[in-house]
């Protein structure tokens, strides 16, 4: 039962990415949201990709960025459905524990490249820094998301080196 609860918690969490700013051609800042964010009554509003009738606002004071993803791999959940497993680095693990502790009973926003993909409800704190995200309709959908995460991680790492 405990494993099921942990898996359910993790299923609803993912891809924690960080928001970053970059300069566009006219010199103004463009903010990219890439990560897992806490939701709020204030903040930037996003439309849920799978249901355009649902919107959520995010608070950037609580999030885990994509640069904290140590390993990302395809897997299958306990029911045999496609899932994504993410292992966070030490700092990401600590950030995610705080994020989940502070948001029990509330949704988190999984945003990738400014698109809101999922809004899982936090059922309990997740202390180990390993997330399993399921709810994908197909392996192809999962692969597409994993490739997007990999590209963003590479771009984020390159930006930090510049």
N, C-alpha and C. Protein backbone atom coordinates (compact mmCIF):
# COMPACT_ATOMS: atom_id res chain seq x y z
N UNK A 1 0.83 -1.19 0.00
CA UNK A 1 0.00 0.00 0.00
C UNK A 1 0.88 1.26 0.00
N UNK A 2 1.94 1.24 0.81
CA UNK A 2 2.84 2.41 0.88
C UNK A 2 3.48 2.67 -0.47
N UNK A 3 3.90 1.59 -1.15
CA UNK A 3 4.49 1.73 -2.47
C UNK A 3 3.49 2.34 -3.44
N UNK A 4 2.24 1.93 -3.34
CA UNK A 4 1.20 2.47 -4.22
C UNK A 4 1.01 3.96 -3.97
N UNK A 5 1.04 4.38 -2.71
CA UNK A 5 0.89 5.79 -2.38
C UNK A 5 2.06 6.59 -2.92
N UNK A 6 3.28 6.05 -2.76
CA UNK A 6 4.45 6.73 -3.27
C UNK A 6 4.36 6.85 -4.79
N UNK A 7 3.98 5.76 -5.43
CA UNK A 7 3.87 5.78 -6.89
C UNK A 7 2.81 6.78 -7.32
N UNK A 8 1.68 6.83 -6.63
CA UNK A 8 0.64 7.80 -6.97
C UNK A 8 1.14 9.22 -6.80
N UNK A 9 1.89 9.46 -5.72
CA UNK A 9 2.47 10.80 -5.53
C UNK A 9 3.38 11.15 -6.69
N UNK A 10 4.24 10.23 -7.01
CA UNK A 10 5.22 10.48 -8.05
C UNK A 10 4.58 10.57 -9.42
N UNK A 11 3.57 9.78 -9.65
CA UNK A 11 2.87 9.80 -10.93
C UNK A 11 2.42 11.21 -11.25
N UNK A 12 2.01 11.91 -10.23
CA UNK A 12 1.47 13.24 -10.47
C UNK A 12 2.52 14.33 -10.45
N UNK A 13 3.75 13.96 -10.30
CA UNK A 13 4.80 14.96 -10.27
C UNK A 13 5.73 14.72 -11.41
N UNK A 14 6.29 15.67 -11.91
CA UNK A 14 7.33 15.47 -12.88
C UNK A 14 8.06 16.72 -13.17
N UNK A 15 8.75 16.40 -14.00
CA UNK A 15 9.55 17.17 -14.83
C UNK A 15 9.69 18.56 -14.29
N UNK A 16 10.45 18.57 -13.54
CA UNK A 16 10.69 19.73 -12.81
C UNK A 16 11.75 20.47 -13.55
N UNK A 17 11.36 21.55 -13.95
CA UNK A 17 12.28 22.32 -14.74
C UNK A 17 12.41 23.69 -14.11
N UNK A 18 13.35 24.41 -14.57
CA UNK A 18 13.51 25.72 -13.97
C UNK A 18 13.12 26.80 -14.95
N UNK A 19 12.72 27.96 -14.42
CA UNK A 19 12.44 29.05 -15.33
C UNK A 19 13.75 29.76 -15.58
N UNK A 20 13.92 30.16 -16.80
CA UNK A 20 15.13 30.88 -17.12
C UNK A 20 14.77 32.04 -18.03
N UNK A 21 15.63 33.01 -18.05
CA UNK A 21 15.40 34.17 -18.91
C UNK A 21 16.48 34.19 -19.98
N UNK A 22 16.08 34.60 -21.15
CA UNK A 22 17.04 34.76 -22.23
C UNK A 22 16.69 36.04 -22.96
N UNK A 23 17.65 36.61 -23.66
CA UNK A 23 17.39 37.83 -24.40
C UNK A 23 16.86 37.46 -25.78
N UNK A 24 15.81 38.15 -26.21
CA UNK A 24 15.35 37.94 -27.57
C UNK A 24 16.01 38.98 -28.47
N UNK A 25 15.62 39.05 -29.74
CA UNK A 25 16.30 39.92 -30.71
C UNK A 25 16.23 41.40 -30.35
N UNK A 26 15.17 41.84 -29.68
CA UNK A 26 15.07 43.26 -29.37
C UNK A 26 15.62 43.59 -27.99
N UNK A 27 16.28 42.64 -27.32
CA UNK A 27 16.94 42.91 -26.05
C UNK A 27 16.07 42.74 -24.82
N UNK A 28 14.77 42.47 -24.99
CA UNK A 28 13.93 42.28 -23.81
C UNK A 28 14.04 40.84 -23.32
N UNK A 29 13.67 40.62 -22.08
CA UNK A 29 13.78 39.29 -21.48
C UNK A 29 12.57 38.42 -21.85
N UNK A 30 12.84 37.17 -22.16
CA UNK A 30 11.80 36.19 -22.43
C UNK A 30 11.91 35.14 -21.34
N UNK A 31 10.85 34.89 -20.61
CA UNK A 31 10.90 33.92 -19.53
C UNK A 31 10.37 32.58 -20.03
N UNK A 32 11.14 31.53 -19.79
CA UNK A 32 10.74 30.16 -20.13
C UNK A 32 10.48 29.42 -18.83
N UNK A 33 9.35 28.76 -18.76
CA UNK A 33 9.02 27.95 -17.61
C UNK A 33 9.33 26.50 -17.97
N UNK A 34 10.21 25.88 -17.21
CA UNK A 34 10.61 24.50 -17.42
C UNK A 34 10.85 23.85 -16.07
N UNK A 35 9.84 23.17 -15.56
CA UNK A 35 9.99 22.51 -14.28
C UNK A 35 8.67 22.17 -13.63
N UNK A 36 8.78 21.86 -12.36
CA UNK A 36 7.59 21.59 -11.55
C UNK A 36 7.44 22.77 -10.61
N UNK A 37 6.28 23.39 -10.66
CA UNK A 37 6.02 24.62 -9.91
C UNK A 37 4.85 24.44 -8.97
N UNK A 38 4.85 25.25 -7.91
CA UNK A 38 3.67 25.26 -7.05
C UNK A 38 2.63 26.17 -7.69
N UNK A 39 1.36 25.81 -7.52
CA UNK A 39 0.29 26.62 -8.06
C UNK A 39 -0.11 27.66 -7.01
N UNK A 40 -0.82 28.68 -7.47
CA UNK A 40 -1.14 29.80 -6.60
C UNK A 40 -2.38 30.51 -7.13
N UNK A 41 -2.88 31.45 -6.36
CA UNK A 41 -3.97 32.29 -6.83
C UNK A 41 -3.42 33.49 -7.59
N UNK A 42 -2.13 33.72 -7.47
CA UNK A 42 -1.45 34.81 -8.18
C UNK A 42 -0.38 34.21 -9.08
N UNK A 43 0.08 34.97 -10.03
CA UNK A 43 1.16 34.50 -10.88
C UNK A 43 0.73 34.35 -12.33
N UNK A 44 1.64 33.83 -13.12
CA UNK A 44 1.39 33.63 -14.56
C UNK A 44 0.40 32.49 -14.75
N UNK A 45 -0.56 32.71 -15.63
CA UNK A 45 -1.60 31.71 -15.89
C UNK A 45 -1.24 30.85 -17.10
N UNK A 46 -1.48 29.54 -16.96
CA UNK A 46 -1.24 28.58 -18.03
C UNK A 46 -2.50 27.77 -18.29
N UNK A 47 -2.70 27.39 -19.54
CA UNK A 47 -3.83 26.54 -19.93
C UNK A 47 -3.32 25.10 -19.99
N UNK A 48 -4.05 24.18 -19.39
CA UNK A 48 -3.69 22.77 -19.40
C UNK A 48 -3.76 22.24 -20.83
N UNK A 49 -2.67 21.62 -21.29
CA UNK A 49 -2.59 21.15 -22.68
C UNK A 49 -3.70 20.16 -23.02
N UNK A 50 -4.01 19.25 -22.12
CA UNK A 50 -5.00 18.21 -22.42
C UNK A 50 -6.45 18.66 -22.25
N UNK A 51 -6.67 19.84 -21.64
CA UNK A 51 -8.04 20.33 -21.42
C UNK A 51 -8.01 21.85 -21.38
N UNK A 52 -8.27 22.47 -22.51
CA UNK A 52 -8.15 23.93 -22.63
C UNK A 52 -9.15 24.70 -21.78
N UNK A 53 -10.09 24.00 -21.12
CA UNK A 53 -11.03 24.70 -20.25
C UNK A 53 -10.46 24.91 -18.85
N UNK A 54 -9.31 24.26 -18.57
CA UNK A 54 -8.71 24.38 -17.24
C UNK A 54 -7.46 25.25 -17.28
N UNK A 55 -7.39 26.21 -16.36
CA UNK A 55 -6.23 27.07 -16.26
C UNK A 55 -5.69 27.03 -14.83
N UNK A 56 -4.40 27.26 -14.71
CA UNK A 56 -3.72 27.27 -13.41
C UNK A 56 -2.71 28.41 -13.41
N UNK A 57 -2.55 29.03 -12.24
CA UNK A 57 -1.53 30.05 -12.06
C UNK A 57 -0.38 29.43 -11.28
N UNK A 58 0.84 29.85 -11.63
CA UNK A 58 2.00 29.29 -10.95
C UNK A 58 2.77 30.36 -10.19
N UNK A 59 3.37 29.91 -9.12
CA UNK A 59 4.19 30.75 -8.24
C UNK A 59 5.63 30.30 -8.43
N UNK A 60 6.47 31.18 -8.94
CA UNK A 60 7.86 30.81 -9.22
C UNK A 60 8.75 30.80 -7.98
N UNK A 61 8.20 31.09 -6.81
CA UNK A 61 9.03 31.02 -5.61
C UNK A 61 9.25 29.58 -5.15
N UNK A 62 8.45 28.65 -5.65
CA UNK A 62 8.63 27.24 -5.31
C UNK A 62 8.64 26.38 -6.55
N UNK A 63 9.82 25.90 -6.95
CA UNK A 63 9.90 25.03 -8.12
C UNK A 63 11.21 24.24 -8.08
N UNK A 64 11.26 23.21 -8.91
CA UNK A 64 12.48 22.45 -9.12
C UNK A 64 12.78 22.50 -10.60
N UNK A 65 13.95 22.96 -10.94
CA UNK A 65 14.31 23.16 -12.34
C UNK A 65 14.85 21.91 -13.02
N UNK A 66 14.76 21.93 -14.33
CA UNK A 66 15.20 20.79 -15.13
C UNK A 66 16.69 20.51 -14.94
N UNK A 67 17.46 21.52 -14.63
CA UNK A 67 18.90 21.31 -14.43
C UNK A 67 19.18 20.44 -13.20
N UNK A 68 18.15 20.17 -12.41
CA UNK A 68 18.28 19.30 -11.23
C UNK A 68 17.97 17.85 -11.56
N UNK A 69 17.63 17.56 -12.80
CA UNK A 69 17.37 16.17 -13.22
C UNK A 69 18.69 15.47 -13.45
N UNK A 70 18.96 14.49 -12.64
CA UNK A 70 20.20 13.74 -12.76
C UNK A 70 20.07 12.66 -13.83
N UNK A 71 18.97 11.92 -13.79
CA UNK A 71 18.69 10.86 -14.77
C UNK A 71 17.22 10.93 -15.17
N UNK A 72 16.96 10.72 -16.45
CA UNK A 72 15.59 10.67 -16.97
C UNK A 72 15.52 9.43 -17.86
N UNK A 73 14.57 8.54 -17.57
CA UNK A 73 14.46 7.33 -18.40
C UNK A 73 13.01 6.90 -18.54
N UNK A 74 12.74 6.20 -19.62
CA UNK A 74 11.42 5.63 -19.85
C UNK A 74 11.28 4.39 -18.99
N UNK A 75 10.07 4.15 -18.52
CA UNK A 75 9.81 2.96 -17.71
C UNK A 75 8.33 2.63 -17.83
N UNK A 76 7.88 1.73 -16.98
CA UNK A 76 6.47 1.37 -16.91
C UNK A 76 6.06 1.38 -15.45
N UNK A 77 4.85 1.89 -15.17
CA UNK A 77 4.39 1.93 -13.78
C UNK A 77 3.91 0.55 -13.34
N UNK A 78 3.43 0.47 -12.13
CA UNK A 78 3.02 -0.81 -11.54
C UNK A 78 1.88 -1.47 -12.31
N UNK A 79 1.11 -0.67 -13.06
CA UNK A 79 0.00 -1.21 -13.87
C UNK A 79 0.43 -1.53 -15.30
N UNK A 80 1.71 -1.32 -15.61
CA UNK A 80 2.21 -1.61 -16.95
C UNK A 80 2.04 -0.48 -17.95
N UNK A 81 1.63 0.70 -17.49
CA UNK A 81 1.47 1.84 -18.38
C UNK A 81 2.80 2.57 -18.54
N UNK A 82 3.01 3.21 -19.70
CA UNK A 82 4.25 3.96 -19.91
C UNK A 82 4.41 5.06 -18.85
N UNK A 83 5.63 5.21 -18.34
CA UNK A 83 5.90 6.25 -17.36
C UNK A 83 7.31 6.78 -17.57
N UNK A 84 7.58 7.89 -16.95
CA UNK A 84 8.89 8.53 -17.02
C UNK A 84 9.44 8.56 -15.61
N UNK A 85 10.65 8.06 -15.43
CA UNK A 85 11.29 8.06 -14.12
C UNK A 85 12.37 9.13 -14.13
N UNK A 86 12.34 9.98 -13.11
CA UNK A 86 13.31 11.06 -12.99
C UNK A 86 13.99 10.95 -11.64
N UNK A 87 15.31 10.98 -11.67
CA UNK A 87 16.08 11.02 -10.44
C UNK A 87 16.68 12.41 -10.33
N UNK A 88 16.44 13.08 -9.21
CA UNK A 88 16.93 14.43 -8.99
C UNK A 88 18.31 14.40 -8.35
N UNK A 89 19.09 15.46 -8.57
CA UNK A 89 20.37 15.57 -7.88
C UNK A 89 20.12 15.96 -6.43
N UNK A 90 21.15 16.08 -5.62
CA UNK A 90 20.99 16.36 -4.19
C UNK A 90 20.19 17.62 -3.90
N UNK A 91 20.50 18.70 -4.59
CA UNK A 91 19.78 19.96 -4.37
C UNK A 91 18.34 19.83 -4.83
N UNK A 92 18.12 19.20 -5.99
CA UNK A 92 16.77 19.00 -6.50
C UNK A 92 15.93 18.16 -5.55
N UNK A 93 16.55 17.13 -4.98
CA UNK A 93 15.86 16.27 -4.01
C UNK A 93 15.39 17.10 -2.82
N UNK A 94 16.27 17.94 -2.30
CA UNK A 94 15.90 18.80 -1.16
C UNK A 94 14.81 19.80 -1.54
N UNK A 95 14.92 20.39 -2.72
CA UNK A 95 13.92 21.35 -3.18
C UNK A 95 12.56 20.68 -3.37
N UNK A 96 12.58 19.46 -3.92
CA UNK A 96 11.33 18.75 -4.18
C UNK A 96 10.66 18.32 -2.88
N UNK A 97 11.46 17.93 -1.90
CA UNK A 97 10.90 17.59 -0.59
C UNK A 97 10.18 18.79 0.00
N UNK A 98 10.79 19.94 -0.03
CA UNK A 98 10.16 21.16 0.49
C UNK A 98 8.91 21.50 -0.32
N UNK A 99 9.02 21.39 -1.64
CA UNK A 99 7.88 21.69 -2.51
C UNK A 99 6.70 20.78 -2.20
N UNK A 100 6.95 19.48 -2.03
CA UNK A 100 5.85 18.56 -1.75
C UNK A 100 5.34 18.71 -0.32
N UNK A 101 6.22 18.97 0.64
CA UNK A 101 5.77 19.19 2.02
C UNK A 101 4.84 20.40 2.12
N UNK A 102 5.16 21.45 1.39
CA UNK A 102 4.41 22.70 1.47
C UNK A 102 3.15 22.74 0.63
N UNK A 103 2.91 21.69 -0.16
CA UNK A 103 1.78 21.72 -1.08
C UNK A 103 0.89 20.49 -1.00
N UNK A 104 0.86 19.83 0.15
CA UNK A 104 0.01 18.66 0.32
C UNK A 104 -1.45 19.06 0.11
N UNK A 105 -2.14 18.30 -0.73
CA UNK A 105 -3.54 18.59 -1.04
C UNK A 105 -3.73 19.59 -2.17
N UNK A 106 -2.64 20.10 -2.70
CA UNK A 106 -2.71 21.10 -3.77
C UNK A 106 -2.07 20.54 -5.05
N UNK A 107 -2.45 21.09 -6.19
CA UNK A 107 -1.80 20.65 -7.44
C UNK A 107 -0.45 21.32 -7.64
N UNK A 108 0.45 20.60 -8.27
CA UNK A 108 1.69 21.18 -8.77
C UNK A 108 1.52 21.32 -10.28
N UNK A 109 2.27 22.20 -10.88
CA UNK A 109 2.20 22.42 -12.32
C UNK A 109 3.47 21.91 -12.97
N UNK A 110 3.31 20.98 -13.89
CA UNK A 110 4.45 20.46 -14.65
C UNK A 110 4.44 21.19 -15.99
N UNK A 111 5.42 22.08 -16.13
CA UNK A 111 5.48 22.95 -17.30
C UNK A 111 6.77 22.68 -18.05
N UNK A 112 6.64 22.44 -19.34
CA UNK A 112 7.80 22.19 -20.18
C UNK A 112 7.72 23.12 -21.37
N UNK A 113 8.74 23.94 -21.51
CA UNK A 113 8.81 24.87 -22.63
C UNK A 113 7.56 25.74 -22.71
N UNK A 114 7.14 26.24 -21.58
CA UNK A 114 5.97 27.12 -21.44
C UNK A 114 4.63 26.44 -21.72
N UNK A 115 4.59 25.11 -21.70
CA UNK A 115 3.35 24.37 -21.90
C UNK A 115 3.05 23.59 -20.62
N UNK A 116 1.83 23.76 -20.10
CA UNK A 116 1.39 23.05 -18.90
C UNK A 116 0.92 21.66 -19.30
N UNK A 117 1.70 20.64 -18.92
CA UNK A 117 1.38 19.26 -19.30
C UNK A 117 0.51 18.54 -18.28
N UNK A 118 0.79 18.72 -16.99
CA UNK A 118 0.07 17.98 -15.95
C UNK A 118 -0.06 18.84 -14.71
N UNK A 119 -1.09 18.51 -13.91
CA UNK A 119 -1.29 19.20 -12.63
C UNK A 119 -1.62 18.17 -11.55
N UNK A 120 -0.63 17.40 -11.15
CA UNK A 120 -0.87 16.37 -10.13
C UNK A 120 -1.10 16.98 -8.75
N UNK A 121 -1.93 16.30 -7.97
CA UNK A 121 -2.20 16.71 -6.59
C UNK A 121 -1.14 16.07 -5.69
N UNK A 122 -0.60 16.84 -4.78
CA UNK A 122 0.39 16.33 -3.83
C UNK A 122 -0.36 15.60 -2.71
N UNK A 123 -0.05 14.32 -2.55
CA UNK A 123 -0.69 13.53 -1.49
C UNK A 123 0.20 13.37 -0.27
N UNK A 124 1.45 13.68 -0.41
CA UNK A 124 2.38 13.58 0.71
C UNK A 124 3.77 14.00 0.27
N UNK A 125 4.63 14.24 1.23
CA UNK A 125 6.01 14.64 0.93
C UNK A 125 6.74 13.50 0.25
N UNK A 126 7.60 13.85 -0.69
CA UNK A 126 8.42 12.86 -1.40
C UNK A 126 9.88 13.16 -1.09
N UNK A 127 10.48 12.36 -0.21
CA UNK A 127 11.82 12.67 0.29
C UNK A 127 12.99 12.10 -0.50
N UNK A 128 12.78 11.13 -1.38
CA UNK A 128 13.91 10.40 -1.96
C UNK A 128 14.42 10.97 -3.28
N UNK A 129 13.70 11.91 -3.86
CA UNK A 129 14.16 12.53 -5.09
C UNK A 129 14.05 11.67 -6.33
N UNK A 130 13.20 10.66 -6.30
CA UNK A 130 12.95 9.82 -7.47
C UNK A 130 11.46 9.93 -7.80
N UNK A 131 11.16 10.35 -9.02
CA UNK A 131 9.79 10.58 -9.43
C UNK A 131 9.42 9.62 -10.55
N UNK A 132 8.22 9.12 -10.53
CA UNK A 132 7.70 8.34 -11.64
C UNK A 132 6.43 9.03 -12.11
N UNK A 133 6.44 9.45 -13.36
CA UNK A 133 5.30 10.15 -13.93
C UNK A 133 4.60 9.21 -14.89
N UNK A 134 3.32 8.97 -14.67
CA UNK A 134 2.57 8.15 -15.62
C UNK A 134 1.36 8.94 -16.08
N UNK A 135 0.45 8.28 -16.78
CA UNK A 135 -0.71 8.98 -17.33
C UNK A 135 -0.53 9.27 -18.81
N UNK A 136 0.51 8.70 -19.41
CA UNK A 136 0.73 8.88 -20.84
C UNK A 136 -0.19 7.95 -21.62
N UNK A 137 -0.69 8.42 -22.74
CA UNK A 137 -1.59 7.62 -23.56
C UNK A 137 -0.85 6.59 -24.41
N UNK A 138 0.42 6.84 -24.66
CA UNK A 138 1.19 5.92 -25.50
C UNK A 138 2.68 6.07 -25.21
N UNK A 139 3.43 5.09 -25.66
CA UNK A 139 4.89 5.15 -25.54
C UNK A 139 5.41 6.30 -26.41
N UNK A 140 4.78 6.56 -27.54
CA UNK A 140 5.20 7.64 -28.43
C UNK A 140 5.07 9.00 -27.72
N UNK A 141 3.97 9.20 -27.01
CA UNK A 141 3.77 10.45 -26.26
C UNK A 141 4.86 10.60 -25.20
N UNK A 142 5.17 9.53 -24.51
CA UNK A 142 6.23 9.53 -23.50
C UNK A 142 7.58 9.85 -24.14
N UNK A 143 7.89 9.21 -25.26
CA UNK A 143 9.17 9.43 -25.95
C UNK A 143 9.31 10.90 -26.37
N UNK A 144 8.23 11.47 -26.87
CA UNK A 144 8.26 12.87 -27.31
C UNK A 144 8.58 13.79 -26.13
N UNK A 145 7.95 13.55 -25.00
CA UNK A 145 8.21 14.36 -23.82
C UNK A 145 9.64 14.17 -23.31
N UNK A 146 10.12 12.95 -23.29
CA UNK A 146 11.49 12.68 -22.84
C UNK A 146 12.50 13.39 -23.74
N UNK A 147 12.29 13.34 -25.06
CA UNK A 147 13.20 14.03 -25.99
C UNK A 147 13.19 15.53 -25.73
N UNK A 148 12.01 16.10 -25.48
CA UNK A 148 11.90 17.52 -25.18
C UNK A 148 12.68 17.87 -23.92
N UNK A 149 12.53 17.05 -22.89
CA UNK A 149 13.26 17.27 -21.64
C UNK A 149 14.77 17.20 -21.88
N UNK A 150 15.21 16.20 -22.64
CA UNK A 150 16.64 16.07 -22.94
C UNK A 150 17.19 17.30 -23.65
N UNK A 151 16.45 17.82 -24.63
CA UNK A 151 16.88 19.01 -25.36
C UNK A 151 16.97 20.21 -24.43
N UNK A 152 15.97 20.39 -23.59
CA UNK A 152 15.97 21.53 -22.67
C UNK A 152 17.11 21.42 -21.67
N UNK A 153 17.38 20.21 -21.19
CA UNK A 153 18.50 20.01 -20.26
C UNK A 153 19.82 20.40 -20.93
N UNK A 154 20.01 20.00 -22.17
CA UNK A 154 21.24 20.33 -22.89
C UNK A 154 21.36 21.84 -23.08
N UNK A 155 20.27 22.48 -23.49
CA UNK A 155 20.29 23.94 -23.67
C UNK A 155 20.55 24.66 -22.36
N UNK A 156 19.94 24.20 -21.27
CA UNK A 156 20.13 24.82 -19.96
C UNK A 156 21.58 24.66 -19.52
N UNK A 157 22.16 23.48 -19.70
CA UNK A 157 23.55 23.24 -19.32
C UNK A 157 24.48 24.12 -20.14
N UNK A 158 24.21 24.25 -21.43
CA UNK A 158 25.04 25.09 -22.31
C UNK A 158 24.96 26.55 -21.87
N UNK A 159 23.76 27.02 -21.54
CA UNK A 159 23.57 28.41 -21.12
C UNK A 159 24.35 28.69 -19.84
N UNK A 160 24.38 27.70 -18.91
CA UNK A 160 25.11 27.90 -17.67
C UNK A 160 26.61 27.95 -17.89
N UNK A 161 27.11 27.28 -18.96
CA UNK A 161 28.53 27.30 -19.26
C UNK A 161 28.95 28.60 -19.93
N UNK A 162 28.02 29.20 -20.68
CA UNK A 162 28.34 30.45 -21.41
C UNK A 162 28.58 31.62 -20.48
